[in-house]
């Protein structure tokens, strides 16, 4: 078999950022579960396995200049891009390698790692490569170190797995570059469904899932569905494999999984509470909620944190609102559906952290939060973070160095925005993480330079590439309408997005 090992390499992966990789978010998840965790602001060594284009690694390196980052990917094109971006943004703490997992495991020039992360890798590689990953963890993870790992899992994928096999088999039979196989494979599956297939009829929601795939990024669909290696795993399988590297499960990095009221009925909670074995309990929970994708944190030698340390650290941990206040959504979604959070609790907390980073201790001394119990504030901050509307912040110490680093990184992203629309995340020195910033917002930001008008800058950038604004799925062809729409978007950006980007230290 070729160097790709059956993994899709003739089609680029997306340029995404995954917030669960951020040390600050991982630390919060472990803190909430009472598991010991490395300080996200400490002198750490961080490793990402299978880093793709390196967007997550580069953003995290920019936002956490005190941490040394190491990342590897076997695709030379992706590593070349990652290295070039790191060099352009002067990230001296970022080190990329073009190694297979087996090669990386044999390297003698690596430190012991405090954190090893891998996102979107474990389910899409052969068993021998999973063994290589476990060997890297066994050799290189410090005692007390953490591993973040995500993977497709059973039982949630059981119903849709045959559809994936149909798509894969059609693509394999058709041959040719992977990018040319996706559309025809989706069309073929649609024809099978339309023929009255009893399989599609017997699985609720499967037709809608197939229809949704038609509208998704083709590169993502190819990497998700077209790999030769595609393995569904139970949580118990992953726990057993990682136990060989002396790891034990600590917490879910999908924060809302820890909130029972939106995921479990009283009967289900009681059932799980009666299961002593942690692996059986977690696997049973997957059956209860029909889990299909897990984001897990494992620890090498877990030492439960003392309750007094937990309370002290969490009560003093600052959070910031990461959405415009007008867009705050208090319908929190879990396995049981949507639950409405208390307006009287969550609204004043959101108003306070919309003004800048605030801890629970600071919120309770604010007149708007003084009538809310401290425990309610801490839970609300955690839930807002899980709902991707807030984020824990790094301490003030080192803020100037972080801002200098992220300013360099973000400036390069803005310089590329007129020519390259794929880099849709920027680095926040406040959260130590990445934040989504779409291309138009990037153009407006770049257009705020001295002697530059954001509207004119964005119009010129689009015109040079023969592009137009899109409204209701269609390009705007009328010049007057186009100009009015551009002016409208600039006003909306300045009213909503710009204050948020300033709050996050991006603007």
Foldseek 3Di string as FASTA:
>chain_A
DDPCQQFAQLFAAFLDADFLLQLQLVCVQLLVLLWDADDSQDQFEEEEEQCGLVNHVLQLLLLRVSYAYEYEHQHVVSQVNNVVLCVQLVRPRYHYDNDQLQRVLPDPPDAAGQEYEYEPPPQQHDPVSLLSVLSSLLPRHDAFHKYKYKAFAPDLCVLVVVLLVQLQVQLVVVDDRLLVSNVVSLVVSLVCVVVVDVSVVVDPPNNVVSVVVVPDDSSVCCSQRHGPGGHHYQLLVVQVSNVVSQKDFRGFSLLCVVVCVQAHDPVLVVVLVPDDDPSVSVRVSCVSLSDTMTTTMIHRNIDRHDPVVSVVVQQFWWKAFQFFLVPDDQFQHYSNGTDGDDCLAQSLLNVVRPVAIDGLNRQCVDPSNVVPDSVSSSVSQSRCVSVVGMATFDDPVCLVVSLSSQQSSLVVVLVCLLPDQRSQWGHFNTRSGIHGHGSLLSQLVSQVPPPGHSLVSSVVSQVVVVHADDDPRHGDDDPVVRSVVSVVVSVVCVVTVVSSCVNRSND
